[in-house]
Amino acid sequence: MRPDSPDSKRLGPADDEDASTLALMALAWTLGDEPRADRLLALTGLDADTLRAGINDKMVLRAVLDFLADHEPDLIACADAIDTTAEKLIAARRELGR
């Protein structure tokens, strides 16, 4: 997680952390809960080996953010847990789609 900063939730991916970093933080949060991790694998078609091999692959990271974006309660919970906003996660998702 990021160090505490009074403005930490207002910083954009380009300012404080890039889209890939946000996606990796979101992936770690997602994998921290076994039922959620199972849902990620089932809904994305990814497997553990693909995740390990793809941590630097924009398409794999985008799939993680797509997964969260498709279920707003998880998107919001993840954003809170990694000290960011849902909007920043969606912006990172767009950035990774380029």
C-alpha atoms as a PDB file:
ATOM      1  CA  MET A   1       0.000   0.000   0.000  1.00  0.00           C
ATOM      2  CA  ARG A   2       0.976   3.557  -0.523  1.00  0.00           C
ATOM      3  CA  PRO A   3       2.349   5.765   2.209  1.00  0.00           C
ATOM      4  CA  ASP A   4      -0.256   7.978   3.819  1.00  0.00           C
ATOM      5  CA  SER A   5      -0.707  11.307   2.138  1.00  0.00           C
ATOM      6  CA  PRO A   6      -3.459  13.815   2.765  1.00  0.00           C
ATOM      7  CA  ASP A   7      -4.089  14.123  -0.979  1.00  0.00           C
ATOM      8  CA  SER A   8      -3.446  10.484  -1.870  1.00  0.00           C
ATOM      9  CA  LYS A   9      -6.961   9.797  -3.165  1.00  0.00           C
ATOM     10  CA  ARG A  10      -6.862  12.779  -5.526  1.00  0.00           C
ATOM     11  CA  LEU A  11      -3.670  11.897  -7.326  1.00  0.00           C
ATOM     12  CA  GLY A  12      -4.029  10.391 -10.790  1.00  0.00           C
ATOM     13  CA  PRO A  13      -2.206   7.330 -12.093  1.00  0.00           C
ATOM     14  CA  ALA A  14       0.291   9.478 -13.976  1.00  0.00           C
ATOM     15  CA  ASP A  15       0.985  11.634 -10.912  1.00  0.00           C
ATOM     16  CA  ASP A  16       1.659   9.111  -8.185  1.00  0.00           C
ATOM     17  CA  GLU A  17       1.486   5.654  -9.646  1.00  0.00           C
ATOM     18  CA  ASP A  18       0.972   4.316 -13.090  1.00  0.00           C
ATOM     19  CA  ALA A  19      -1.908   2.207 -14.306  1.00  0.00           C
ATOM     20  CA  SER A  20       0.097  -1.002 -14.065  1.00  0.00           C
ATOM     21  CA  THR A  21       0.902  -0.378 -10.413  1.00  0.00           C
ATOM     22  CA  LEU A  22      -2.758   0.208  -9.606  1.00  0.00           C
ATOM     23  CA  ALA A  23      -3.706  -2.965 -11.460  1.00  0.00           C
ATOM     24  CA  LEU A  24      -1.073  -4.977  -9.580  1.00  0.00           C
ATOM     25  CA  MET A  25      -2.347  -3.626  -6.277  1.00  0.00           C
ATOM     26  CA  ALA A  26      -5.883  -4.532  -7.346  1.00  0.00           C
ATOM     27  CA  LEU A  27      -4.722  -8.020  -8.316  1.00  0.00           C
ATOM     28  CA  ALA A  28      -3.082  -8.543  -4.929  1.00  0.00           C
ATOM     29  CA  TRP A  29      -6.276  -7.407  -3.205  1.00  0.00           C
ATOM     30  CA  THR A  30      -8.399  -9.693  -5.386  1.00  0.00           C
ATOM     31  CA  LEU A  31      -6.205 -12.710  -4.730  1.00  0.00           C
ATOM     32  CA  GLY A  32      -6.325 -12.064  -0.989  1.00  0.00           C
ATOM     33  CA  ASP A  33      -9.832 -13.524  -0.835  1.00  0.00           C
ATOM     34  CA  GLU A  34     -10.134 -17.111  -2.068  1.00  0.00           C
ATOM     35  CA  PRO A  35     -13.755 -16.958  -3.294  1.00  0.00           C
ATOM     36  CA  ARG A  36     -13.028 -13.683  -5.119  1.00  0.00           C
ATOM     37  CA  ALA A  37      -9.839 -15.123  -6.587  1.00  0.00           C
ATOM     38  CA  ASP A  38     -11.769 -18.175  -7.796  1.00  0.00           C
ATOM     39  CA  ARG A  39     -14.342 -15.873  -9.416  1.00  0.00           C
ATOM     40  CA  LEU A  40     -11.551 -13.928 -11.131  1.00  0.00           C
ATOM     41  CA  LEU A  41     -10.135 -17.091 -12.626  1.00  0.00           C
ATOM     42  CA  ALA A  42     -13.536 -18.456 -13.625  1.00  0.00           C
ATOM     43  CA  LEU A  43     -14.816 -15.255 -15.219  1.00  0.00           C
ATOM     44  CA  THR A  44     -11.631 -14.145 -16.968  1.00  0.00           C
ATOM     45  CA  GLY A  45     -10.433 -17.537 -18.151  1.00  0.00           C
ATOM     46  CA  LEU A  46      -7.039 -16.808 -16.629  1.00  0.00           C
ATOM     47  CA  ASP A  47      -5.200 -19.378 -14.550  1.00  0.00           C
ATOM     48  CA  ALA A  48      -2.521 -19.062 -11.895  1.00  0.00           C
ATOM     49  CA  ASP A  49       0.313 -19.641 -14.378  1.00  0.00           C
ATOM     50  CA  THR A  50      -1.026 -16.983 -16.750  1.00  0.00           C
ATOM     51  CA  LEU A  51      -1.331 -14.516 -13.887  1.00  0.00           C
ATOM     52  CA  ARG A  52       2.240 -15.168 -12.768  1.00  0.00           C
ATOM     53  CA  ALA A  53       3.588 -14.886 -16.298  1.00  0.00           C
ATOM     54  CA  GLY A  54       1.449 -11.878 -17.108  1.00  0.00           C
ATOM     55  CA  ILE A  55       2.098  -9.486 -14.269  1.00  0.00           C
ATOM     56  CA  ASN A  56       3.807  -7.176 -16.767  1.00  0.00           C
ATOM     57  CA  ASP A  57       1.272  -7.807 -19.537  1.00  0.00           C
ATOM     58  CA  LYS A  58      -1.168  -4.936 -20.039  1.00  0.00           C
ATOM     59  CA  MET A  59      -3.902  -7.285 -21.244  1.00  0.00           C
ATOM     60  CA  VAL A  60      -3.701  -9.452 -18.118  1.00  0.00           C
ATOM     61  CA  LEU A  61      -3.725  -6.394 -15.876  1.00  0.00           C
ATOM     62  CA  ARG A  62      -6.626  -4.952 -17.843  1.00  0.00           C
ATOM     63  CA  ALA A  63      -8.543  -8.215 -17.331  1.00  0.00           C
ATOM     64  CA  VAL A  64      -8.158  -7.799 -13.565  1.00  0.00           C
ATOM     65  CA  LEU A  65      -9.544  -4.272 -13.714  1.00  0.00           C
ATOM     66  CA  ASP A  66     -12.322  -5.393 -16.073  1.00  0.00           C
ATOM     67  CA  PHE A  67     -13.257  -8.039 -13.517  1.00  0.00           C
ATOM     68  CA  LEU A  68     -13.521  -5.423 -10.776  1.00  0.00           C
ATOM     69  CA  ALA A  69     -15.356  -2.933 -12.985  1.00  0.00           C
ATOM     70  CA  ASP A  70     -18.004  -5.551 -13.719  1.00  0.00           C
ATOM     71  CA  HIS A  71     -18.882  -5.842 -10.020  1.00  0.00           C
ATOM     72  CA  GLU A  72     -19.158  -2.418  -8.423  1.00  0.00           C
ATOM     73  CA  PRO A  73     -19.097  -3.620  -4.785  1.00  0.00           C
ATOM     74  CA  ASP A  74     -15.698  -5.246  -5.391  1.00  0.00           C
ATOM     75  CA  LEU A  75     -14.467  -2.203  -7.318  1.00  0.00           C
ATOM     76  CA  ILE A  76     -15.339   0.110  -4.433  1.00  0.00           C
ATOM     77  CA  ALA A  77     -14.005  -2.259  -1.767  1.00  0.00           C
ATOM     78  CA  CYS A  78     -10.749  -2.680  -3.674  1.00  0.00           C
ATOM     79  CA  ALA A  79     -10.337   1.064  -4.132  1.00  0.00           C
ATOM     80  CA  ASP A  80     -10.847   1.616  -0.415  1.00  0.00           C
ATOM     81  CA  ALA A  81      -8.450  -1.184   0.498  1.00  0.00           C
ATOM     82  CA  ILE A  82      -5.623   0.108  -1.690  1.00  0.00           C
ATOM     83  CA  ASP A  83      -6.266   3.745  -0.774  1.00  0.00           C
ATOM     84  CA  THR A  84      -7.420   4.976  -4.156  1.00  0.00           C
ATOM     85  CA  THR A  85     -10.742   5.665  -5.825  1.00  0.00           C
ATOM     86  CA  ALA A  86     -12.950   3.630  -8.120  1.00  0.00           C
ATOM     87  CA  GLU A  87     -12.503   6.390 -10.698  1.00  0.00           C
ATOM     88  CA  LYS A  88      -8.729   5.956 -10.635  1.00  0.00           C
ATOM     89  CA  LEU A  89      -9.099   2.207 -11.137  1.00  0.00           C
ATOM     90  CA  ILE A  90     -11.372   2.835 -14.120  1.00  0.00           C
ATOM     91  CA  ALA A  91      -8.899   5.388 -15.496  1.00  0.00           C
ATOM     92  CA  ALA A  92      -6.110   2.813 -15.118  1.00  0.00           C
ATOM     93  CA  ARG A  93      -8.292   0.300 -16.944  1.00  0.00           C
ATOM     94  CA  ARG A  94      -8.683   2.740 -19.842  1.00  0.00           C
ATOM     95  CA  GLU A  95      -4.949   3.448 -19.866  1.00  0.00           C
ATOM     96  CA  LEU A  96      -4.116  -0.254 -20.053  1.00  0.00           C
ATOM     97  CA  GLY A  97      -6.501  -0.626 -22.991  1.00  0.00           C
ATOM     98  CA  ARG A  98      -4.425   1.677 -25.157  1.00  0.00           C
END
